[in-house]
Amino acid sequence: MDRSKKTGFADRLSAAAEARKAQLERAARARAAAESPAAVERQAAREAVRVARDARIAERKAAKLAAEARQAAALAAAQAAEAAALAVAQAAEAAAREAALKAEQEARDVEFAERAEREAIVEAEKQAARDARYAARKARKRKGR
């Protein structure tokens, strides 16, 4: 402990130089370890595993997208069939409404014609009654002469 406190400038310079030298040696060992055939082989194995994993992920995504596309196509087909059925039902309903309206109009026309005929008959009866009263009045006047 006493030695660390009483270090001179030369000692500190040599310690710094040794530290740099040790650091360079560690870097050289690390570089040599990274460039060794075993390390290169391990790196290639890791890369192969990564490529295989990416391929499996891409395959799963493609299968999922294909399933979604099939589902969407089935849904679209079902909606198209439903829309076609709805259109047919609406057309049938419109035709039924039109037929009902036509029948109702014809019934009103018949009722109007019958009412007009009854009114004409009533008017003719009134006219006949007036004519009869007029003729009776004339007959009374002639008889009285």
N, C-alpha and C. Protein backbone atom coordinates (compact mmCIF):
# COMPACT_ATOMS: atom_id res chain seq x y z
N MET A 1 0.81 -1.18 0.00
CA MET A 1 0.00 0.00 0.00
C MET A 1 0.86 1.26 0.00
N ASP A 2 1.93 1.13 0.73
CA ASP A 2 2.83 2.25 0.83
C ASP A 2 3.46 2.54 -0.52
N ARG A 3 3.67 1.48 -1.30
CA ARG A 3 4.31 1.60 -2.61
C ARG A 3 3.42 2.39 -3.59
N SER A 4 2.07 2.15 -3.57
CA SER A 4 1.18 2.82 -4.51
C SER A 4 1.12 4.31 -4.26
N LYS A 5 1.35 4.71 -3.05
CA LYS A 5 1.28 6.14 -2.74
C LYS A 5 2.58 6.85 -3.10
N LYS A 6 3.70 6.11 -3.16
CA LYS A 6 4.99 6.75 -3.40
C LYS A 6 5.51 6.40 -4.77
N THR A 7 4.65 6.42 -5.77
CA THR A 7 5.10 6.13 -7.13
C THR A 7 5.60 7.41 -7.76
N GLY A 8 6.65 7.24 -8.51
CA GLY A 8 7.20 8.40 -9.18
C GLY A 8 6.65 8.51 -10.59
N PHE A 9 7.10 9.56 -11.28
CA PHE A 9 6.64 9.82 -12.64
C PHE A 9 7.03 8.69 -13.58
N ALA A 10 8.23 8.17 -13.46
CA ALA A 10 8.72 7.09 -14.31
C ALA A 10 7.90 5.83 -14.09
N ASP A 11 7.55 5.59 -12.81
CA ASP A 11 6.73 4.41 -12.52
C ASP A 11 5.35 4.54 -13.18
N ARG A 12 4.77 5.72 -13.11
CA ARG A 12 3.45 5.92 -13.72
C ARG A 12 3.52 5.80 -15.23
N LEU A 13 4.58 6.29 -15.86
CA LEU A 13 4.75 6.15 -17.30
C LEU A 13 4.88 4.69 -17.69
N SER A 14 5.69 3.94 -16.96
CA SER A 14 5.86 2.52 -17.28
C SER A 14 4.57 1.76 -17.05
N ALA A 15 3.79 2.11 -16.02
CA ALA A 15 2.50 1.45 -15.76
C ALA A 15 1.53 1.72 -16.90
N ALA A 16 1.51 2.97 -17.40
CA ALA A 16 0.63 3.31 -18.51
C ALA A 16 1.03 2.57 -19.77
N ALA A 17 2.33 2.46 -20.01
CA ALA A 17 2.82 1.74 -21.19
C ALA A 17 2.46 0.26 -21.09
N GLU A 18 2.59 -0.31 -19.89
CA GLU A 18 2.22 -1.73 -19.70
C GLU A 18 0.72 -1.93 -19.91
N ALA A 19 -0.08 -0.98 -19.45
CA ALA A 19 -1.53 -1.08 -19.63
C ALA A 19 -1.90 -1.03 -21.11
N ARG A 20 -1.25 -0.12 -21.86
CA ARG A 20 -1.50 -0.06 -23.31
C ARG A 20 -1.08 -1.34 -23.99
N LYS A 21 0.07 -1.85 -23.58
CA LYS A 21 0.58 -3.09 -24.17
C LYS A 21 -0.37 -4.26 -23.87
N ALA A 22 -0.88 -4.32 -22.64
CA ALA A 22 -1.81 -5.39 -22.26
C ALA A 22 -3.12 -5.26 -23.05
N GLN A 23 -3.55 -4.01 -23.22
CA GLN A 23 -4.79 -3.78 -23.98
C GLN A 23 -4.61 -4.20 -25.44
N LEU A 24 -3.48 -3.89 -26.04
CA LEU A 24 -3.21 -4.30 -27.41
C LEU A 24 -3.13 -5.82 -27.52
N GLU A 25 -2.54 -6.46 -26.52
CA GLU A 25 -2.46 -7.93 -26.52
C GLU A 25 -3.85 -8.54 -26.43
N ARG A 26 -4.70 -7.97 -25.57
CA ARG A 26 -6.08 -8.49 -25.45
C ARG A 26 -6.84 -8.33 -26.77
N ALA A 27 -6.66 -7.17 -27.43
CA ALA A 27 -7.33 -6.93 -28.71
C ALA A 27 -6.82 -7.91 -29.76
N ALA A 28 -5.51 -8.18 -29.77
CA ALA A 28 -4.94 -9.12 -30.74
C ALA A 28 -5.46 -10.52 -30.49
N ARG A 29 -5.56 -10.92 -29.21
CA ARG A 29 -6.10 -12.25 -28.88
C ARG A 29 -7.57 -12.35 -29.30
N ALA A 30 -8.33 -11.30 -29.05
CA ALA A 30 -9.75 -11.31 -29.43
C ALA A 30 -9.91 -11.40 -30.94
N ARG A 31 -9.07 -10.65 -31.68
CA ARG A 31 -9.12 -10.69 -33.14
C ARG A 31 -8.75 -12.08 -33.64
N ALA A 32 -7.72 -12.65 -33.05
CA ALA A 32 -7.28 -13.99 -33.45
C ALA A 32 -8.36 -15.02 -33.14
N ALA A 33 -9.05 -14.85 -31.99
CA ALA A 33 -10.12 -15.79 -31.63
C ALA A 33 -11.30 -15.64 -32.59
N ALA A 34 -11.59 -14.40 -33.00
CA ALA A 34 -12.71 -14.17 -33.92
C ALA A 34 -12.41 -14.69 -35.31
N GLU A 35 -11.12 -14.67 -35.68
CA GLU A 35 -10.75 -15.13 -37.03
C GLU A 35 -10.37 -16.60 -37.06
N SER A 36 -10.43 -17.28 -35.95
CA SER A 36 -10.06 -18.69 -35.92
C SER A 36 -11.08 -19.52 -36.69
N PRO A 37 -10.68 -20.67 -37.23
CA PRO A 37 -11.61 -21.52 -37.99
C PRO A 37 -12.82 -21.96 -37.17
N ALA A 38 -12.64 -22.23 -35.90
CA ALA A 38 -13.77 -22.65 -35.06
C ALA A 38 -14.78 -21.52 -34.92
N ALA A 39 -14.27 -20.29 -34.71
CA ALA A 39 -15.18 -19.15 -34.58
C ALA A 39 -15.91 -18.89 -35.89
N VAL A 40 -15.18 -18.99 -37.00
CA VAL A 40 -15.81 -18.78 -38.31
C VAL A 40 -16.89 -19.84 -38.53
N GLU A 41 -16.61 -21.06 -38.11
CA GLU A 41 -17.58 -22.15 -38.26
C GLU A 41 -18.81 -21.89 -37.39
N ARG A 42 -18.59 -21.45 -36.14
CA ARG A 42 -19.72 -21.14 -35.26
C ARG A 42 -20.57 -20.00 -35.84
N GLN A 43 -19.90 -18.99 -36.39
CA GLN A 43 -20.61 -17.86 -37.01
C GLN A 43 -21.43 -18.33 -38.21
N ALA A 44 -20.86 -19.20 -39.03
CA ALA A 44 -21.58 -19.73 -40.19
C ALA A 44 -22.79 -20.55 -39.74
N ALA A 45 -22.62 -21.33 -38.66
CA ALA A 45 -23.74 -22.12 -38.14
C ALA A 45 -24.85 -21.21 -37.64
N ARG A 46 -24.46 -20.14 -36.91
CA ARG A 46 -25.48 -19.19 -36.43
C ARG A 46 -26.21 -18.53 -37.61
N GLU A 47 -25.46 -18.17 -38.63
CA GLU A 47 -26.06 -17.56 -39.82
C GLU A 47 -27.03 -18.52 -40.50
N ALA A 48 -26.66 -19.80 -40.59
CA ALA A 48 -27.54 -20.80 -41.20
C ALA A 48 -28.82 -20.96 -40.39
N VAL A 49 -28.69 -20.96 -39.07
CA VAL A 49 -29.87 -21.06 -38.20
C VAL A 49 -30.77 -19.84 -38.40
N ARG A 50 -30.14 -18.64 -38.49
CA ARG A 50 -30.93 -17.41 -38.69
C ARG A 50 -31.67 -17.43 -40.02
N VAL A 51 -30.98 -17.88 -41.08
CA VAL A 51 -31.61 -17.95 -42.40
C VAL A 51 -32.76 -18.95 -42.38
N ALA A 52 -32.57 -20.11 -41.74
CA ALA A 52 -33.64 -21.11 -41.67
C ALA A 52 -34.83 -20.57 -40.88
N ARG A 53 -34.54 -19.86 -39.76
CA ARG A 53 -35.62 -19.28 -38.96
C ARG A 53 -36.39 -18.25 -39.77
N ASP A 54 -35.69 -17.37 -40.50
CA ASP A 54 -36.35 -16.37 -41.34
C ASP A 54 -37.20 -17.03 -42.42
N ALA A 55 -36.70 -18.14 -42.98
CA ALA A 55 -37.46 -18.86 -44.01
C ALA A 55 -38.74 -19.43 -43.41
N ARG A 56 -38.65 -20.01 -42.19
CA ARG A 56 -39.86 -20.57 -41.55
C ARG A 56 -40.87 -19.46 -41.24
N ILE A 57 -40.37 -18.33 -40.77
CA ILE A 57 -41.26 -17.21 -40.46
C ILE A 57 -41.95 -16.72 -41.73
N ALA A 58 -41.19 -16.59 -42.81
CA ALA A 58 -41.78 -16.15 -44.08
C ALA A 58 -42.80 -17.16 -44.59
N GLU A 59 -42.51 -18.45 -44.40
CA GLU A 59 -43.45 -19.49 -44.84
C GLU A 59 -44.75 -19.41 -44.04
N ARG A 60 -44.63 -19.21 -42.72
CA ARG A 60 -45.83 -19.08 -41.88
C ARG A 60 -46.65 -17.85 -42.28
N LYS A 61 -45.95 -16.74 -42.55
CA LYS A 61 -46.66 -15.52 -42.97
C LYS A 61 -47.38 -15.75 -44.30
N ALA A 62 -46.72 -16.42 -45.22
CA ALA A 62 -47.35 -16.69 -46.52
C ALA A 62 -48.57 -17.58 -46.35
N ALA A 63 -48.45 -18.61 -45.49
CA ALA A 63 -49.60 -19.50 -45.26
C ALA A 63 -50.75 -18.73 -44.61
N LYS A 64 -50.41 -17.85 -43.67
CA LYS A 64 -51.44 -17.06 -43.00
C LYS A 64 -52.13 -16.12 -43.99
N LEU A 65 -51.34 -15.47 -44.85
CA LEU A 65 -51.92 -14.57 -45.85
C LEU A 65 -52.80 -15.34 -46.84
N ALA A 66 -52.36 -16.54 -47.22
CA ALA A 66 -53.17 -17.36 -48.14
C ALA A 66 -54.49 -17.75 -47.48
N ALA A 67 -54.43 -18.12 -46.20
CA ALA A 67 -55.66 -18.48 -45.48
C ALA A 67 -56.58 -17.27 -45.38
N GLU A 68 -56.02 -16.11 -45.08
CA GLU A 68 -56.85 -14.90 -44.99
C GLU A 68 -57.46 -14.57 -46.35
N ALA A 69 -56.69 -14.76 -47.42
CA ALA A 69 -57.22 -14.50 -48.77
C ALA A 69 -58.36 -15.46 -49.09
N ARG A 70 -58.19 -16.75 -48.73
CA ARG A 70 -59.28 -17.71 -48.96
C ARG A 70 -60.51 -17.34 -48.16
N GLN A 71 -60.29 -16.91 -46.91
CA GLN A 71 -61.41 -16.52 -46.06
C GLN A 71 -62.11 -15.29 -46.64
N ALA A 72 -61.33 -14.33 -47.10
CA ALA A 72 -61.92 -13.13 -47.68
C ALA A 72 -62.70 -13.46 -48.96
N ALA A 73 -62.14 -14.37 -49.77
CA ALA A 73 -62.85 -14.77 -50.99
C ALA A 73 -64.16 -15.48 -50.66
N ALA A 74 -64.14 -16.34 -49.64
CA ALA A 74 -65.36 -17.04 -49.24
C ALA A 74 -66.39 -16.03 -48.71
N LEU A 75 -65.92 -15.08 -47.92
CA LEU A 75 -66.83 -14.06 -47.39
C LEU A 75 -67.41 -13.22 -48.51
N ALA A 76 -66.57 -12.84 -49.47
CA ALA A 76 -67.06 -12.05 -50.61
C ALA A 76 -68.09 -12.84 -51.42
N ALA A 77 -67.81 -14.13 -51.62
CA ALA A 77 -68.77 -14.97 -52.36
C ALA A 77 -70.09 -15.07 -51.60
N ALA A 78 -70.00 -15.25 -50.28
CA ALA A 78 -71.22 -15.33 -49.48
C ALA A 78 -72.00 -14.02 -49.54
N GLN A 79 -71.27 -12.90 -49.46
CA GLN A 79 -71.94 -11.60 -49.52
C GLN A 79 -72.56 -11.38 -50.90
N ALA A 80 -71.87 -11.81 -51.94
CA ALA A 80 -72.41 -11.66 -53.29
C ALA A 80 -73.68 -12.50 -53.44
N ALA A 81 -73.65 -13.73 -52.92
CA ALA A 81 -74.84 -14.59 -52.99
C ALA A 81 -75.98 -13.98 -52.19
N GLU A 82 -75.65 -13.44 -51.03
CA GLU A 82 -76.67 -12.81 -50.20
C GLU A 82 -77.25 -11.58 -50.89
N ALA A 83 -76.37 -10.80 -51.52
CA ALA A 83 -76.83 -9.61 -52.23
C ALA A 83 -77.71 -10.00 -53.42
N ALA A 84 -77.34 -11.07 -54.12
CA ALA A 84 -78.15 -11.53 -55.24
C ALA A 84 -79.51 -12.00 -54.76
N ALA A 85 -79.52 -12.76 -53.66
CA ALA A 85 -80.79 -13.24 -53.10
C ALA A 85 -81.64 -12.06 -52.65
N LEU A 86 -80.99 -11.08 -52.04
CA LEU A 86 -81.71 -9.90 -51.59
C LEU A 86 -82.29 -9.13 -52.78
N ALA A 87 -81.50 -9.03 -53.85
CA ALA A 87 -81.98 -8.33 -55.05
C ALA A 87 -83.18 -9.05 -55.65
N VAL A 88 -83.11 -10.39 -55.70
CA VAL A 88 -84.23 -11.17 -56.23
C VAL A 88 -85.46 -10.97 -55.34
N ALA A 89 -85.24 -11.01 -54.01
CA ALA A 89 -86.36 -10.82 -53.08
C ALA A 89 -86.96 -9.43 -53.24
N GLN A 90 -86.09 -8.43 -53.39
CA GLN A 90 -86.59 -7.07 -53.56
C GLN A 90 -87.36 -6.92 -54.87
N ALA A 91 -86.86 -7.56 -55.93
CA ALA A 91 -87.56 -7.50 -57.21
C ALA A 91 -88.92 -8.17 -57.10
N ALA A 92 -88.96 -9.32 -56.42
CA ALA A 92 -90.24 -10.02 -56.25
C ALA A 92 -91.19 -9.18 -55.40
N GLU A 93 -90.65 -8.56 -54.37
CA GLU A 93 -91.47 -7.72 -53.50
C GLU A 93 -92.00 -6.51 -54.28
N ALA A 94 -91.14 -5.92 -55.11
CA ALA A 94 -91.57 -4.77 -55.91
C ALA A 94 -92.66 -5.18 -56.90
N ALA A 95 -92.49 -6.36 -57.52
CA ALA A 95 -93.50 -6.84 -58.45
C ALA A 95 -94.82 -7.10 -57.73
N ALA A 96 -94.74 -7.67 -56.52
CA ALA A 96 -95.96 -7.92 -55.74
C ALA A 96 -96.64 -6.60 -55.36
N ARG A 97 -95.83 -5.61 -54.94
CA ARG A 97 -96.41 -4.30 -54.61
C ARG A 97 -97.07 -3.67 -55.82
N GLU A 98 -96.40 -3.78 -56.96
CA GLU A 98 -96.95 -3.22 -58.19
C GLU A 98 -98.26 -3.90 -58.56
N ALA A 99 -98.30 -5.22 -58.44
CA ALA A 99 -99.53 -5.96 -58.75
C ALA A 99 -100.64 -5.57 -57.78
N ALA A 100 -100.29 -5.41 -56.50
CA ALA A 100 -101.29 -5.02 -55.51
C ALA A 100 -101.82 -3.62 -55.80
N LEU A 101 -100.91 -2.70 -56.16
CA LEU A 101 -101.34 -1.35 -56.51
C LEU A 101 -102.24 -1.34 -57.74
N LYS A 102 -101.89 -2.17 -58.73
CA LYS A 102 -102.70 -2.25 -59.94
C LYS A 102 -104.09 -2.80 -59.62
N ALA A 103 -104.13 -3.85 -58.79
CA ALA A 103 -105.43 -4.44 -58.42
C ALA A 103 -106.25 -3.43 -57.63
N GLU A 104 -105.61 -2.70 -56.74
CA GLU A 104 -106.31 -1.68 -55.96
C GLU A 104 -106.86 -0.58 -56.86
N GLN A 105 -106.06 -0.16 -57.84
CA GLN A 105 -106.50 0.87 -58.78
C GLN A 105 -107.70 0.38 -59.60
N GLU A 106 -107.61 -0.87 -60.03
CA GLU A 106 -108.74 -1.43 -60.80
C GLU A 106 -109.99 -1.51 -59.94
N ALA A 107 -109.84 -1.88 -58.66
CA ALA A 107 -111.00 -1.94 -57.76
C ALA A 107 -111.60 -0.55 -57.59
N ARG A 108 -110.74 0.48 -57.44
CA ARG A 108 -111.25 1.85 -57.33
C ARG A 108 -111.97 2.28 -58.60
N ASP A 109 -111.42 1.89 -59.76
CA ASP A 109 -112.06 2.24 -61.03
C ASP A 109 -113.44 1.59 -61.14
N VAL A 110 -113.50 0.32 -60.73
CA VAL A 110 -114.79 -0.39 -60.78
C VAL A 110 -115.77 0.27 -59.82
N GLU A 111 -115.31 0.61 -58.61
CA GLU A 111 -116.18 1.24 -57.62
C GLU A 111 -116.66 2.60 -58.13
N PHE A 112 -115.74 3.36 -58.78
CA PHE A 112 -116.12 4.66 -59.33
C PHE A 112 -117.18 4.51 -60.42
N ALA A 113 -116.97 3.50 -61.28
CA ALA A 113 -117.94 3.27 -62.36
C ALA A 113 -119.30 2.88 -61.78
N GLU A 114 -119.31 2.03 -60.76
CA GLU A 114 -120.58 1.62 -60.15
C GLU A 114 -121.27 2.82 -59.49
N ARG A 115 -120.48 3.65 -58.80
CA ARG A 115 -121.06 4.82 -58.14
C ARG A 115 -121.63 5.78 -59.19
N ALA A 116 -120.89 5.97 -60.29
CA ALA A 116 -121.37 6.85 -61.35
C ALA A 116 -122.67 6.29 -61.95
N GLU A 117 -122.73 4.97 -62.11
CA GLU A 117 -123.94 4.34 -62.65
C GLU A 117 -125.12 4.52 -61.69
N ARG A 118 -124.87 4.31 -60.38
CA ARG A 118 -125.95 4.50 -59.39
C ARG A 118 -126.43 5.95 -59.39
N GLU A 119 -125.47 6.90 -59.45
CA GLU A 119 -125.85 8.31 -59.48
C GLU A 119 -126.65 8.64 -60.73
N ALA A 120 -126.25 8.03 -61.86
CA ALA A 120 -127.00 8.26 -63.10
C ALA A 120 -128.42 7.70 -62.97
N ILE A 121 -128.54 6.52 -62.35
CA ILE A 121 -129.87 5.90 -62.16
C ILE A 121 -130.72 6.78 -61.25
N VAL A 122 -130.11 7.27 -60.14
CA VAL A 122 -130.85 8.12 -59.21
C VAL A 122 -131.28 9.41 -59.92
N GLU A 123 -130.35 9.98 -60.68
CA GLU A 123 -130.67 11.21 -61.42
C GLU A 123 -131.80 10.97 -62.42
N ALA A 124 -131.74 9.80 -63.11
CA ALA A 124 -132.80 9.48 -64.08
C ALA A 124 -134.13 9.30 -63.36
N GLU A 125 -134.11 8.67 -62.17
CA GLU A 125 -135.36 8.50 -61.41
C GLU A 125 -135.93 9.84 -60.97
N LYS A 126 -135.02 10.75 -60.54
CA LYS A 126 -135.47 12.09 -60.14
C LYS A 126 -136.09 12.83 -61.34
N GLN A 127 -135.39 12.69 -62.48
CA GLN A 127 -135.89 13.34 -63.70
C GLN A 127 -137.25 12.77 -64.07
N ALA A 128 -137.40 11.45 -63.96
CA ALA A 128 -138.69 10.82 -64.30
C ALA A 128 -139.77 11.29 -63.33
N ALA A 129 -139.42 11.42 -62.03
CA ALA A 129 -140.41 11.88 -61.05
C ALA A 129 -140.81 13.31 -61.34
N ARG A 130 -139.82 14.17 -61.69
CA ARG A 130 -140.13 15.55 -62.05
C ARG A 130 -141.04 15.60 -63.28
N ASP A 131 -140.66 14.79 -64.27
CA ASP A 131 -141.46 14.76 -65.49
C ASP A 131 -142.88 14.29 -65.19
N ALA A 132 -142.99 13.30 -64.30
CA ALA A 132 -144.33 12.79 -63.96
C ALA A 132 -145.14 13.87 -63.24
N ARG A 133 -144.50 14.60 -62.32
CA ARG A 133 -145.22 15.68 -61.61
C ARG A 133 -145.64 16.78 -62.60
N TYR A 134 -144.74 17.11 -63.51
CA TYR A 134 -145.02 18.12 -64.50
C TYR A 134 -146.19 17.69 -65.40
N ALA A 135 -146.15 16.42 -65.81
CA ALA A 135 -147.25 15.91 -66.66
C ALA A 135 -148.56 15.88 -65.88
N ALA A 136 -148.51 15.52 -64.60
CA ALA A 136 -149.73 15.46 -63.80
C ALA A 136 -150.30 16.86 -63.61
N ARG A 137 -149.42 17.83 -63.39
CA ARG A 137 -149.87 19.21 -63.22
C ARG A 137 -150.53 19.71 -64.50
N LYS A 138 -149.93 19.38 -65.65
CA LYS A 138 -150.50 19.79 -66.93
C LYS A 138 -151.83 19.12 -67.15
N ALA A 139 -151.89 17.85 -66.74
CA ALA A 139 -153.14 17.11 -66.94
C ALA A 139 -154.24 17.72 -66.07
N ARG A 140 -153.93 18.12 -64.87
CA ARG A 140 -154.92 18.74 -64.01
C ARG A 140 -155.40 20.07 -64.58
N LYS A 141 -154.48 20.83 -65.16
CA LYS A 141 -154.83 22.12 -65.74
C LYS A 141 -155.76 21.91 -66.93
N ARG A 142 -155.49 20.90 -67.77
CA ARG A 142 -156.32 20.63 -68.94
C ARG A 142 -157.70 20.13 -68.51
N LYS A 143 -157.73 19.36 -67.51
CA LYS A 143 -158.99 18.79 -67.04
C LYS A 143 -159.87 19.91 -66.49
N GLY A 144 -159.27 20.86 -65.89
CA GLY A 144 -160.00 21.95 -65.28
C GLY A 144 -160.51 22.93 -66.30
N ARG A 145 -160.23 22.96 -67.52
CA ARG A 145 -160.64 23.91 -68.53
C ARG A 145 -161.97 23.62 -69.01
